[in-house]
Amino acid sequence: MSDRLYHLYFAACDNAGGLYHYTLQDGALKYIDFTPMHRPMYMEANESGMDVVLQFPFEGSRESGIVNYKIEDFRLVNPSGIVSTKGREGCHICRFEGNVYVANYSSGSLFSSAGKLEVHEGKGPNPYRQEMPHIHYVHPTPDGKYLLSVDLGLDAVYTYDKDLNVISIAHVPAGEGCRHLAFSEDGKTVFCVNELGSSITVFAYEDGTLTPHETVSILPSGVEGNTAGAIRVSGEYVFASNRGEETIAVCRWNGKELKYLTSFPCGGVSPRDFLPVEDLLFVTNERTNNVTIYRLSCDGDDVRAEKLPEELHMPNPLCVVAI
C-alpha cells in the first residue's frame, strides 16, 4: 500500500449501533472513535459532511429518517435533527444538487429533501420478492447530470432529474431483481448487480440513457437461496458479493465484455457490503458481526485474495465508506 492515510467508517445497524471510525495507513488499522446512533442503514460522505439514513428512529413509527453530521478533523460532530424519509426501511442515500435523496425499500418510494416523494407502482414476476416496487439504490449518474434509482421489484433502473421527473427507464431481465450500481472509471458503463438472479447486467450509459448490453452470472456453483449484495469497481475489475454462497465474486471488464473470473470466501455470513482500498478489501458480514480484510493481487485473469488475520467486530455491519 501507499503511505496515504484513509479514514474508514462502518455502519453497525443495531439498536445500540452507530458508526465505527478507524484509520488505515501502511496497512495498519487504528480504532479512532464511535458515534452512537439508532440502526444506521447506509451513509455517504460528501461536501456537507456525513449523511446517514436510519432504519426507524421515531418512536411508534416505522418511517425511516435522515441525519447529517458535520466532519471536523475526520470526527462526526453537530448532528442535525432527524428528518423523516416519508417511507419505510430507507436503505440508500445520496446528495445531489443540494438535496438529499433516499431509497425507501419497503414502501417502494424515492424521497427528496426538496419535498417530493416519488412512489413507484407495479410488480415483477417473483411473487415473494417482487410483489410490489422495492427501491434499493439512488445515486447520481456518472456524468453528474441526473439521478439513477434502482427498483428491485420492477427489474428497472430509472433516470431522474433533480426534481424526480423521469428521464428514461431501463430494465434488467425479468425476475433478476436489480439491486445496486457501480460505474466504470470512464463513466461510459454502468454495472448493475441483480440480487435475485445472482448476476450482473452491463449497461452502456450516455446522457441519461442506459442501454442493456449483457447479463453475466456471478454464481456458477448454482447454490440455492443465494442473493447477491453489493457491487464495486476497481479499475478493470468488478466485484460483487454473494449471500448464501458467502463469497466475493470477481469479474473483469475489457471494455466490450464482462468475464466472470473467480470467487473467494468472504470470511463470514451475508456480506452486505465491501470496499476495495488500494490492494485491500474490507467486507462487512452482516450475520456474523464481523468485518474481514483481504489482500488482493490482480494480474489479468489471475486474481488472488489472501485473508488477513485481523478482523473487526461490531453488531450487524451493513456499510463501509472511506475518505
C-alpha atoms as a PDB file:
ATOM      1  CA  MET A   1       0.000   0.000   0.000  1.00  0.00           C
ATOM      2  CA  SER A   2       0.921   3.655  -0.306  1.00  0.00           C
ATOM      3  CA  ASP A   3       1.529   5.695   2.833  1.00  0.00           C
ATOM      4  CA  ARG A   4      -1.734   7.614   2.343  1.00  0.00           C
ATOM      5  CA  LEU A   5      -3.913   7.974   5.445  1.00  0.00           C
ATOM      6  CA  TYR A   6      -7.501   6.737   5.000  1.00  0.00           C
ATOM      7  CA  HIS A   7     -10.428   7.180   7.366  1.00  0.00           C
ATOM      8  CA  LEU A   8     -12.850   4.236   7.337  1.00  0.00           C
ATOM      9  CA  TYR A   9     -16.401   4.357   8.722  1.00  0.00           C
ATOM     10  CA  PHE A  10     -18.501   1.242   9.332  1.00  0.00           C
ATOM     11  CA  ALA A  11     -22.261   1.378   9.933  1.00  0.00           C
ATOM     12  CA  ALA A  12     -23.482  -1.090  12.577  1.00  0.00           C
ATOM     13  CA  CYS A  13     -27.257  -1.478  12.240  1.00  0.00           C
ATOM     14  CA  ASP A  14     -28.317  -2.306  15.792  1.00  0.00           C
ATOM     15  CA  ASN A  15     -30.477  -0.718  18.473  1.00  0.00           C
ATOM     16  CA  ALA A  16     -27.220   0.157  20.240  1.00  0.00           C
ATOM     17  CA  GLY A  17     -25.345   0.647  16.969  1.00  0.00           C
ATOM     18  CA  GLY A  18     -23.656   3.541  15.236  1.00  0.00           C
ATOM     19  CA  LEU A  19     -20.625   4.378  13.128  1.00  0.00           C
ATOM     20  CA  TYR A  20     -17.220   2.916  13.956  1.00  0.00           C
ATOM     21  CA  HIS A  21     -14.285   5.048  12.822  1.00  0.00           C
ATOM     22  CA  TYR A  22     -10.822   3.638  12.015  1.00  0.00           C
ATOM     23  CA  THR A  23      -7.752   4.924  10.227  1.00  0.00           C
ATOM     24  CA  LEU A  24      -5.734   2.914   7.730  1.00  0.00           C
ATOM     25  CA  GLN A  25      -2.133   3.732   6.875  1.00  0.00           C
ATOM     26  CA  ASP A  26       0.638   1.491   5.565  1.00  0.00           C
ATOM     27  CA  GLY A  27      -1.719  -1.455   6.017  1.00  0.00           C
ATOM     28  CA  ALA A  28      -2.228  -0.773   9.742  1.00  0.00           C
ATOM     29  CA  LEU A  29      -5.704  -0.201  11.194  1.00  0.00           C
ATOM     30  CA  LYS A  30      -6.256   2.014  14.233  1.00  0.00           C
ATOM     31  CA  TYR A  31      -9.524   2.494  16.115  1.00  0.00           C
ATOM     32  CA  ILE A  32     -10.401   6.193  16.491  1.00  0.00           C
ATOM     33  CA  ASP A  33     -13.913   6.592  17.877  1.00  0.00           C
ATOM     34  CA  PHE A  34     -17.552   5.523  17.819  1.00  0.00           C
ATOM     35  CA  THR A  35     -20.612   7.658  17.109  1.00  0.00           C
ATOM     36  CA  PRO A  36     -23.770   6.061  18.554  1.00  0.00           C
ATOM     37  CA  MET A  37     -26.988   6.187  16.555  1.00  0.00           C
ATOM     38  CA  HIS A  38     -30.072   4.014  16.192  1.00  0.00           C
ATOM     39  CA  ARG A  39     -29.837   1.449  13.381  1.00  0.00           C
ATOM     40  CA  PRO A  40     -27.875   3.215  10.616  1.00  0.00           C
ATOM     41  CA  MET A  41     -28.649   1.541   7.274  1.00  0.00           C
ATOM     42  CA  TYR A  42     -26.406   3.439   4.877  1.00  0.00           C
ATOM     43  CA  MET A  43     -24.231   6.540   4.748  1.00  0.00           C
ATOM     44  CA  GLU A  44     -22.437   8.839   2.348  1.00  0.00           C
ATOM     45  CA  ALA A  45     -19.574  11.222   2.984  1.00  0.00           C
ATOM     46  CA  ASN A  46     -19.796  14.392   0.887  1.00  0.00           C
ATOM     47  CA  GLU A  47     -19.110  18.123   0.952  1.00  0.00           C
ATOM     48  CA  SER A  48     -21.834  18.585   3.592  1.00  0.00           C
ATOM     49  CA  GLY A  49     -20.421  16.003   5.985  1.00  0.00           C
ATOM     50  CA  MET A  50     -21.789  12.524   6.585  1.00  0.00           C
ATOM     51  CA  ASP A  51     -25.381  11.825   5.562  1.00  0.00           C
ATOM     52  CA  VAL A  52     -26.880   8.770   7.280  1.00  0.00           C
ATOM     53  CA  VAL A  53     -30.227   7.037   6.805  1.00  0.00           C
ATOM     54  CA  LEU A  54     -31.618   5.434   9.990  1.00  0.00           C
ATOM     55  CA  GLN A  55     -33.970   2.470   9.780  1.00  0.00           C
ATOM     56  CA  PHE A  56     -36.756   3.622  12.137  1.00  0.00           C
ATOM     57  CA  PRO A  57     -35.595   6.339  14.547  1.00  0.00           C
ATOM     58  CA  PHE A  58     -39.045   7.660  15.502  1.00  0.00           C
ATOM     59  CA  GLU A  59     -40.809   6.128  18.483  1.00  0.00           C
ATOM     60  CA  GLY A  60     -44.070   4.475  17.489  1.00  0.00           C
ATOM     61  CA  SER A  61     -43.371   4.793  13.748  1.00  0.00           C
ATOM     62  CA  ARG A  62     -41.807   2.555  11.104  1.00  0.00           C
ATOM     63  CA  GLU A  63     -40.735   5.504   8.963  1.00  0.00           C
ATOM     64  CA  SER A  64     -37.026   5.946   8.360  1.00  0.00           C
ATOM     65  CA  GLY A  65     -35.089   9.154   8.941  1.00  0.00           C
ATOM     66  CA  ILE A  66     -32.018  11.023   7.753  1.00  0.00           C
ATOM     67  CA  VAL A  67     -29.419  12.838   9.806  1.00  0.00           C
ATOM     68  CA  ASN A  68     -26.366  14.845   8.801  1.00  0.00           C
ATOM     69  CA  TYR A  69     -23.151  15.028  10.820  1.00  0.00           C
ATOM     70  CA  LYS A  70     -20.503  17.630  10.194  1.00  0.00           C
ATOM     71  CA  ILE A  71     -16.973  16.242   9.834  1.00  0.00           C
ATOM     72  CA  GLU A  72     -14.283  18.066  11.792  1.00  0.00           C
ATOM     73  CA  ASP A  73     -10.807  16.578  11.867  1.00  0.00           C
ATOM     74  CA  PHE A  74     -12.493  13.433  10.484  1.00  0.00           C
ATOM     75  CA  ARG A  75     -14.740  13.144  13.545  1.00  0.00           C
ATOM     76  CA  LEU A  76     -18.537  13.285  13.311  1.00  0.00           C
ATOM     77  CA  VAL A  77     -19.949  16.270  15.214  1.00  0.00           C
ATOM     78  CA  ASN A  78     -23.007  18.562  15.405  1.00  0.00           C
ATOM     79  CA  PRO A  79     -25.742  16.219  14.192  1.00  0.00           C
ATOM     80  CA  SER A  80     -28.765  17.786  12.569  1.00  0.00           C
ATOM     81  CA  GLY A  81     -32.293  16.956  13.592  1.00  0.00           C
ATOM     82  CA  ILE A  82     -33.676  13.717  12.176  1.00  0.00           C
ATOM     83  CA  VAL A  83     -35.955  14.206   9.157  1.00  0.00           C
ATOM     84  CA  SER A  84     -38.451  11.572   8.060  1.00  0.00           C
ATOM     85  CA  THR A  85     -37.983   9.956   4.642  1.00  0.00           C
ATOM     86  CA  LYS A  86     -41.784   9.535   4.406  1.00  0.00           C
ATOM     87  CA  GLY A  87     -41.262   5.829   3.810  1.00  0.00           C
ATOM     88  CA  ARG A  88     -40.233   2.537   5.370  1.00  0.00           C
ATOM     89  CA  GLU A  89     -36.797   0.944   5.500  1.00  0.00           C
ATOM     90  CA  GLY A  90     -34.689   3.642   3.900  1.00  0.00           C
ATOM     91  CA  CYS A  91     -31.661   1.709   2.675  1.00  0.00           C
ATOM     92  CA  HIS A  92     -29.611   4.006   0.439  1.00  0.00           C
ATOM     93  CA  ILE A  93     -28.793   7.717   0.476  1.00  0.00           C
ATOM     94  CA  CYS A  94     -27.070  10.314  -1.668  1.00  0.00           C
ATOM     95  CA  ARG A  95     -26.789  14.087  -2.068  1.00  0.00           C
ATOM     96  CA  PHE A  96     -27.316  15.737  -5.466  1.00  0.00           C
ATOM     97  CA  GLU A  97     -27.763  19.382  -6.489  1.00  0.00           C
ATOM     98  CA  GLY A  98     -28.138  20.414  -2.857  1.00  0.00           C
ATOM     99  CA  ASN A  99     -30.822  17.856  -1.986  1.00  0.00           C
ATOM    100  CA  VAL A 100     -30.699  14.560  -0.109  1.00  0.00           C
ATOM    101  CA  TYR A 101     -32.344  11.526  -1.722  1.00  0.00           C
ATOM    102  CA  VAL A 102     -33.272   8.251  -0.025  1.00  0.00           C
ATOM    103  CA  ALA A 103     -34.446   4.914  -1.427  1.00  0.00           C
ATOM    104  CA  ASN A 104     -37.290   3.576   0.739  1.00  0.00           C
ATOM    105  CA  TYR A 105     -37.182  -0.169   0.150  1.00  0.00           C
ATOM    106  CA  SER A 106     -40.329  -1.457   1.858  1.00  0.00           C
ATOM    107  CA  SER A 107     -42.624   1.308   0.636  1.00  0.00           C
ATOM    108  CA  GLY A 108     -41.228   1.482  -2.905  1.00  0.00           C
ATOM    109  CA  SER A 109     -40.678   5.226  -2.808  1.00  0.00           C
ATOM    110  CA  LEU A 110     -37.919   7.710  -3.526  1.00  0.00           C
ATOM    111  CA  PHE A 111     -37.619  10.648  -1.118  1.00  0.00           C
ATOM    112  CA  SER A 112     -36.195  14.086  -1.878  1.00  0.00           C
ATOM    113  CA  SER A 113     -35.417  16.596   0.860  1.00  0.00           C
ATOM    114  CA  ALA A 114     -36.810  19.241  -1.516  1.00  0.00           C
ATOM    115  CA  GLY A 115     -40.237  17.891  -0.583  1.00  0.00           C
ATOM    116  CA  LYS A 116     -41.142  15.421  -3.332  1.00  0.00           C
ATOM    117  CA  LEU A 117     -41.897  11.748  -2.773  1.00  0.00           C
ATOM    118  CA  GLU A 118     -41.843   9.593  -5.914  1.00  0.00           C
ATOM    119  CA  VAL A 119     -43.852   6.387  -5.421  1.00  0.00           C
ATOM    120  CA  HIS A 120     -43.413   3.541  -7.895  1.00  0.00           C
ATOM    121  CA  GLU A 121     -46.259   1.228  -8.914  1.00  0.00           C
ATOM    122  CA  GLY A 122     -46.380  -2.305 -10.287  1.00  0.00           C
ATOM    123  CA  LYS A 123     -44.799  -5.667  -9.552  1.00  0.00           C
ATOM    124  CA  GLY A 124     -42.422  -8.234 -11.013  1.00  0.00           C
ATOM    125  CA  PRO A 125     -42.634 -11.973 -11.783  1.00  0.00           C
ATOM    126  CA  ASN A 126     -41.251 -13.188  -8.424  1.00  0.00           C
ATOM    127  CA  PRO A 127     -44.350 -13.382  -6.157  1.00  0.00           C
ATOM    128  CA  TYR A 128     -42.297 -13.410  -2.939  1.00  0.00           C
ATOM    129  CA  ARG A 129     -39.756 -10.644  -3.581  1.00  0.00           C
ATOM    130  CA  GLN A 130     -41.356  -8.616  -6.374  1.00  0.00           C
ATOM    131  CA  GLU A 131     -44.926  -8.353  -5.104  1.00  0.00           C
ATOM    132  CA  MET A 132     -44.547  -4.551  -5.244  1.00  0.00           C
ATOM    133  CA  PRO A 133     -41.893  -1.929  -6.015  1.00  0.00           C
ATOM    134  CA  HIS A 134     -38.765  -2.069  -3.827  1.00  0.00           C
ATOM    135  CA  ILE A 135     -36.371   0.821  -4.441  1.00  0.00           C
ATOM    136  CA  HIS A 136     -32.905  -0.192  -3.250  1.00  0.00           C
ATOM    137  CA  TYR A 137     -30.454   2.430  -4.534  1.00  0.00           C
ATOM    138  CA  VAL A 138     -30.140   6.068  -5.602  1.00  0.00           C
ATOM    139  CA  HIS A 139     -27.023   7.826  -6.896  1.00  0.00           C
ATOM    140  CA  PRO A 140     -26.018  10.498  -9.420  1.00  0.00           C
ATOM    141  CA  THR A 141     -25.184   9.354 -12.954  1.00  0.00           C
ATOM    142  CA  PRO A 142     -21.513   9.045 -13.921  1.00  0.00           C
ATOM    143  CA  ASP A 143     -21.636  12.434 -15.681  1.00  0.00           C
ATOM    144  CA  GLY A 144     -23.246  14.089 -12.648  1.00  0.00           C
ATOM    145  CA  LYS A 145     -26.280  15.298 -14.629  1.00  0.00           C
ATOM    146  CA  TYR A 146     -29.048  13.037 -13.343  1.00  0.00           C
ATOM    147  CA  LEU A 147     -30.059  10.542 -10.663  1.00  0.00           C
ATOM    148  CA  LEU A 148     -30.235   6.767 -11.077  1.00  0.00           C
ATOM    149  CA  SER A 149     -32.717   4.813  -8.957  1.00  0.00           C
ATOM    150  CA  VAL A 150     -32.835   1.005  -8.887  1.00  0.00           C
ATOM    151  CA  ASP A 151     -36.128  -0.827  -8.262  1.00  0.00           C
ATOM    152  CA  LEU A 152     -35.674  -4.494  -7.352  1.00  0.00           C
ATOM    153  CA  GLY A 153     -39.418  -5.165  -7.514  1.00  0.00           C
ATOM    154  CA  LEU A 154     -39.811  -3.869 -11.065  1.00  0.00           C
ATOM    155  CA  ASP A 155     -36.459  -5.022 -12.542  1.00  0.00           C
ATOM    156  CA  ALA A 156     -35.965  -1.387 -13.546  1.00  0.00           C
ATOM    157  CA  VAL A 157     -33.346   1.364 -13.397  1.00  0.00           C
ATOM    158  CA  TYR A 158     -34.878   4.850 -13.536  1.00  0.00           C
ATOM    159  CA  THR A 159     -33.091   8.013 -14.616  1.00  0.00           C
ATOM    160  CA  TYR A 160     -34.445  11.185 -12.975  1.00  0.00           C
ATOM    161  CA  ASP A 161     -33.649  14.853 -12.971  1.00  0.00           C
ATOM    162  CA  LYS A 162     -33.143  16.607  -9.636  1.00  0.00           C
ATOM    163  CA  ASP A 163     -36.898  17.199  -9.325  1.00  0.00           C
ATOM    164  CA  LEU A 164     -37.605  13.461  -9.753  1.00  0.00           C
ATOM    165  CA  ASN A 165     -39.036  13.804 -13.237  1.00  0.00           C
ATOM    166  CA  VAL A 166     -38.421  10.581 -15.191  1.00  0.00           C
ATOM    167  CA  ILE A 167     -35.850  10.938 -17.991  1.00  0.00           C
ATOM    168  CA  SER A 168     -35.664   7.276 -19.023  1.00  0.00           C
ATOM    169  CA  ILE A 169     -36.226   3.728 -17.760  1.00  0.00           C
ATOM    170  CA  ALA A 170     -34.036   0.674 -18.454  1.00  0.00           C
ATOM    171  CA  HIS A 171     -34.613  -2.939 -17.449  1.00  0.00           C
ATOM    172  CA  VAL A 172     -32.640  -5.988 -16.401  1.00  0.00           C
ATOM    173  CA  PRO A 173     -34.006  -9.415 -17.445  1.00  0.00           C
ATOM    174  CA  ALA A 174     -37.354 -10.188 -15.811  1.00  0.00           C
ATOM    175  CA  GLY A 175     -37.053 -11.650 -12.326  1.00  0.00           C
ATOM    176  CA  GLU A 176     -33.366 -10.820 -11.865  1.00  0.00           C
ATOM    177  CA  GLY A 177     -34.179  -8.231  -9.189  1.00  0.00           C
ATOM    178  CA  CYS A 178     -31.737  -5.349  -9.717  1.00  0.00           C
ATOM    179  CA  ARG A 179     -30.180  -4.011  -6.502  1.00  0.00           C
ATOM    180  CA  HIS A 180     -27.131  -1.695  -6.730  1.00  0.00           C
ATOM    181  CA  LEU A 181     -24.978   0.010  -9.368  1.00  0.00           C
ATOM    182  CA  ALA A 182     -21.305   0.707  -9.919  1.00  0.00           C
ATOM    183  CA  PHE A 183     -19.643   2.696 -12.701  1.00  0.00           C
ATOM    184  CA  SER A 184     -16.628   2.188 -14.933  1.00  0.00           C
ATOM    185  CA  GLU A 185     -13.873   4.729 -14.442  1.00  0.00           C
ATOM    186  CA  ASP A 186     -14.609   6.406 -17.799  1.00  0.00           C
ATOM    187  CA  GLY A 187     -18.306   6.756 -16.904  1.00  0.00           C
ATOM    188  CA  LYS A 188     -19.498   5.053 -20.082  1.00  0.00           C
ATOM    189  CA  THR A 189     -20.558   1.763 -18.489  1.00  0.00           C
ATOM    190  CA  VAL A 190     -22.930   1.010 -15.615  1.00  0.00           C
ATOM    191  CA  PHE A 191     -22.781  -2.365 -13.848  1.00  0.00           C
ATOM    192  CA  CYS A 192     -25.956  -3.491 -12.070  1.00  0.00           C
ATOM    193  CA  VAL A 193     -25.831  -6.332  -9.546  1.00  0.00           C
ATOM    194  CA  ASN A 194     -29.033  -8.359  -9.554  1.00  0.00           C
ATOM    195  CA  GLU A 195     -29.982  -9.691  -6.123  1.00  0.00           C
ATOM    196  CA  LEU A 196     -32.454 -12.395  -7.139  1.00  0.00           C
ATOM    197  CA  GLY A 197     -30.626 -13.642 -10.233  1.00  0.00           C
ATOM    198  CA  SER A 198     -27.106 -13.528  -8.693  1.00  0.00           C
ATOM    199  CA  SER A 199     -25.878 -11.776 -11.813  1.00  0.00           C
ATOM    200  CA  ILE A 200     -24.529  -8.513 -13.208  1.00  0.00           C
ATOM    201  CA  THR A 201     -26.218  -6.637 -16.034  1.00  0.00           C
ATOM    202  CA  VAL A 202     -23.949  -4.349 -18.058  1.00  0.00           C
ATOM    203  CA  PHE A 203     -25.410  -1.116 -19.450  1.00  0.00           C
ATOM    204  CA  ALA A 204     -23.880   1.397 -21.829  1.00  0.00           C
ATOM    205  CA  TYR A 205     -24.503   4.907 -20.471  1.00  0.00           C
ATOM    206  CA  GLU A 206     -24.858   8.131 -22.449  1.00  0.00           C
ATOM    207  CA  ASP A 207     -26.540  11.373 -21.363  1.00  0.00           C
ATOM    208  CA  GLY A 208     -29.242   9.923 -19.148  1.00  0.00           C
ATOM    209  CA  THR A 209     -29.917   6.765 -21.144  1.00  0.00           C
ATOM    210  CA  LEU A 210     -28.901   3.222 -20.163  1.00  0.00           C
ATOM    211  CA  THR A 211     -28.786   0.583 -22.903  1.00  0.00           C
ATOM    212  CA  PRO A 212     -28.533  -3.070 -21.753  1.00  0.00           C
ATOM    213  CA  HIS A 213     -25.575  -4.974 -23.194  1.00  0.00           C
ATOM    214  CA  GLU A 214     -25.285  -8.347 -21.409  1.00  0.00           C
ATOM    215  CA  THR A 215     -26.073 -10.169 -18.166  1.00  0.00           C
ATOM    216  CA  VAL A 216     -23.416 -12.393 -16.592  1.00  0.00           C
ATOM    217  CA  SER A 217     -23.846 -14.906 -13.760  1.00  0.00           C
ATOM    218  CA  ILE A 218     -21.712 -14.466 -10.637  1.00  0.00           C
ATOM    219  CA  LEU A 219     -22.868 -17.798  -9.177  1.00  0.00           C
ATOM    220  CA  PRO A 220     -21.588 -20.657 -11.342  1.00  0.00           C
ATOM    221  CA  SER A 221     -21.848 -23.001  -8.332  1.00  0.00           C
ATOM    222  CA  GLY A 222     -25.644 -22.751  -8.509  1.00  0.00           C
ATOM    223  CA  VAL A 223     -26.076 -22.543  -4.718  1.00  0.00           C
ATOM    224  CA  GLU A 224     -29.801 -22.402  -3.946  1.00  0.00           C
ATOM    225  CA  GLY A 225     -31.140 -19.466  -1.973  1.00  0.00           C
ATOM    226  CA  ASN A 226     -28.243 -17.165  -2.848  1.00  0.00           C
ATOM    227  CA  THR A 227     -28.864 -13.426  -3.096  1.00  0.00           C
ATOM    228  CA  ALA A 228     -26.321 -11.006  -4.500  1.00  0.00           C
ATOM    229  CA  GLY A 229     -25.480  -7.955  -2.404  1.00  0.00           C
ATOM    230  CA  ALA A 230     -23.040  -5.155  -3.136  1.00  0.00           C
ATOM    231  CA  ILE A 231     -21.051  -4.255  -6.246  1.00  0.00           C
ATOM    232  CA  ARG A 232     -17.836  -2.249  -6.588  1.00  0.00           C
ATOM    233  CA  VAL A 233     -15.452  -1.424  -9.429  1.00  0.00           C
ATOM    234  CA  SER A 234     -11.684  -1.109  -9.140  1.00  0.00           C
ATOM    235  CA  GLY A 235     -10.028  -0.417 -12.471  1.00  0.00           C
ATOM    236  CA  GLU A 236     -10.955  -3.193 -14.900  1.00  0.00           C
ATOM    237  CA  TYR A 237     -12.202  -5.471 -12.103  1.00  0.00           C
ATOM    238  CA  VAL A 238     -15.827  -5.697 -10.976  1.00  0.00           C
ATOM    239  CA  PHE A 239     -16.529  -7.246  -7.561  1.00  0.00           C
ATOM    240  CA  ALA A 240     -19.899  -8.417  -6.222  1.00  0.00           C
ATOM    241  CA  SER A 241     -20.953 -10.235  -3.058  1.00  0.00           C
ATOM    242  CA  ASN A 242     -22.928 -13.484  -2.808  1.00  0.00           C
ATOM    243  CA  ARG A 243     -25.021 -14.094   0.298  1.00  0.00           C
ATOM    244  CA  GLY A 244     -25.692 -17.814   0.544  1.00  0.00           C
ATOM    245  CA  GLU A 245     -22.563 -18.970  -1.202  1.00  0.00           C
ATOM    246  CA  GLU A 246     -20.851 -16.428   1.148  1.00  0.00           C
ATOM    247  CA  THR A 247     -18.300 -15.271  -1.383  1.00  0.00           C
ATOM    248  CA  ILE A 248     -16.946 -12.265  -3.210  1.00  0.00           C
ATOM    249  CA  ALA A 249     -17.187 -12.773  -6.974  1.00  0.00           C
ATOM    250  CA  VAL A 250     -14.597 -11.196  -9.258  1.00  0.00           C
ATOM    251  CA  CYS A 251     -15.215 -10.261 -12.905  1.00  0.00           C
ATOM    252  CA  ARG A 252     -13.075  -8.456 -15.478  1.00  0.00           C
ATOM    253  CA  TRP A 253     -14.315  -5.824 -17.916  1.00  0.00           C
ATOM    254  CA  ASN A 254     -12.278  -5.375 -21.106  1.00  0.00           C
ATOM    255  CA  GLY A 255     -14.418  -2.572 -22.481  1.00  0.00           C
ATOM    256  CA  LYS A 256     -16.551  -4.935 -24.546  1.00  0.00           C
ATOM    257  CA  GLU A 257     -17.391  -7.962 -22.408  1.00  0.00           C
ATOM    258  CA  LEU A 258     -17.675  -8.804 -18.721  1.00  0.00           C
ATOM    259  CA  LYS A 259     -15.952 -12.069 -17.820  1.00  0.00           C
ATOM    260  CA  TYR A 260     -16.525 -13.954 -14.570  1.00  0.00           C
ATOM    261  CA  LEU A 261     -13.128 -14.974 -13.172  1.00  0.00           C
ATOM    262  CA  THR A 262     -13.449 -16.465  -9.699  1.00  0.00           C
ATOM    263  CA  SER A 263     -14.985 -16.218  -6.236  1.00  0.00           C
ATOM    264  CA  PHE A 264     -13.388 -16.412  -2.797  1.00  0.00           C
ATOM    265  CA  PRO A 265     -14.936 -16.969   0.673  1.00  0.00           C
ATOM    266  CA  CYS A 266     -15.953 -13.772   2.455  1.00  0.00           C
ATOM    267  CA  GLY A 267     -14.934 -14.980   5.922  1.00  0.00           C
ATOM    268  CA  GLY A 268     -18.409 -14.652   7.388  1.00  0.00           C
ATOM    269  CA  VAL A 269     -22.120 -14.875   6.620  1.00  0.00           C
ATOM    270  CA  SER A 270     -24.145 -12.428   4.489  1.00  0.00           C
ATOM    271  CA  PRO A 271     -21.577  -9.990   3.014  1.00  0.00           C
ATOM    272  CA  ARG A 272     -23.876  -6.978   2.800  1.00  0.00           C
ATOM    273  CA  ASP A 273     -21.209  -4.528   1.647  1.00  0.00           C
ATOM    274  CA  PHE A 274     -17.493  -4.362   0.902  1.00  0.00           C
ATOM    275  CA  LEU A 275     -14.942  -1.789  -0.187  1.00  0.00           C
ATOM    276  CA  PRO A 276     -11.596  -2.047  -2.017  1.00  0.00           C
ATOM    277  CA  VAL A 277      -8.968   0.343  -0.666  1.00  0.00           C
ATOM    278  CA  GLU A 278      -5.838   0.081  -2.810  1.00  0.00           C
ATOM    279  CA  ASP A 279      -4.856  -3.604  -2.548  1.00  0.00           C
ATOM    280  CA  LEU A 280      -7.036  -4.330   0.495  1.00  0.00           C
ATOM    281  CA  LEU A 281     -10.703  -5.360   0.537  1.00  0.00           C
ATOM    282  CA  PHE A 282     -12.916  -4.780   3.593  1.00  0.00           C
ATOM    283  CA  VAL A 283     -16.032  -7.000   3.801  1.00  0.00           C
ATOM    284  CA  THR A 284     -18.950  -6.320   6.168  1.00  0.00           C
ATOM    285  CA  ASN A 285     -20.528  -9.661   7.108  1.00  0.00           C
ATOM    286  CA  GLU A 286     -23.931  -8.765   8.496  1.00  0.00           C
ATOM    287  CA  ARG A 287     -24.973 -12.017  10.172  1.00  0.00           C
ATOM    288  CA  THR A 288     -21.643 -12.920  11.778  1.00  0.00           C
ATOM    289  CA  ASN A 289     -20.985  -9.400  13.115  1.00  0.00           C
ATOM    290  CA  ASN A 290     -17.504  -9.202  11.658  1.00  0.00           C
ATOM    291  CA  VAL A 291     -15.519  -7.236   9.097  1.00  0.00           C
ATOM    292  CA  THR A 292     -12.939  -9.318   7.274  1.00  0.00           C
ATOM    293  CA  ILE A 293      -9.920  -7.995   5.397  1.00  0.00           C
ATOM    294  CA  TYR A 294      -8.261  -9.407   2.275  1.00  0.00           C
ATOM    295  CA  ARG A 295      -5.127  -8.535   0.357  1.00  0.00           C
ATOM    296  CA  LEU A 296      -5.821  -8.655  -3.369  1.00  0.00           C
ATOM    297  CA  SER A 297      -3.414  -9.469  -6.161  1.00  0.00           C
ATOM    298  CA  CYS A 298      -4.871  -8.965  -9.649  1.00  0.00           C
ATOM    299  CA  ASP A 299      -2.943  -9.585 -12.875  1.00  0.00           C
ATOM    300  CA  GLY A 300      -5.032 -10.099 -15.989  1.00  0.00           C
ATOM    301  CA  ASP A 301      -7.373 -13.035 -15.383  1.00  0.00           C
ATOM    302  CA  ASP A 302      -5.338 -14.169 -12.374  1.00  0.00           C
ATOM    303  CA  VAL A 303      -6.923 -12.906  -9.139  1.00  0.00           C
ATOM    304  CA  ARG A 304      -5.782 -13.957  -5.690  1.00  0.00           C
ATOM    305  CA  ALA A 305      -7.225 -12.993  -2.321  1.00  0.00           C
ATOM    306  CA  GLU A 306      -5.308 -13.571   0.910  1.00  0.00           C
ATOM    307  CA  LYS A 307      -7.391 -13.333   4.072  1.00  0.00           C
ATOM    308  CA  LEU A 308      -5.550 -11.342   6.727  1.00  0.00           C
ATOM    309  CA  PRO A 309      -5.716 -12.492  10.367  1.00  0.00           C
ATOM    310  CA  GLU A 310      -7.097  -9.189  11.671  1.00  0.00           C
ATOM    311  CA  GLU A 311     -10.879  -8.782  11.895  1.00  0.00           C
ATOM    312  CA  LEU A 312     -13.147  -6.053  13.216  1.00  0.00           C
ATOM    313  CA  HIS A 313     -16.164  -6.946  15.337  1.00  0.00           C
ATOM    314  CA  MET A 314     -19.395  -4.973  15.580  1.00  0.00           C
ATOM    315  CA  PRO A 315     -23.149  -5.743  15.538  1.00  0.00           C
ATOM    316  CA  ASN A 316     -24.729  -6.111  12.076  1.00  0.00           C
ATOM    317  CA  PRO A 317     -22.199  -4.245   9.919  1.00  0.00           C
ATOM    318  CA  LEU A 318     -24.038  -3.066   6.783  1.00  0.00           C
ATOM    319  CA  CYS A 319     -21.944  -0.415   5.093  1.00  0.00           C
ATOM    320  CA  VAL A 320     -18.384   0.889   4.800  1.00  0.00           C
ATOM    321  CA  VAL A 321     -17.079   4.163   3.334  1.00  0.00           C
ATOM    322  CA  ALA A 322     -13.582   5.624   3.119  1.00  0.00           C
ATOM    323  CA  ILE A 323     -12.394   9.226   2.919  1.00  0.00           C
END
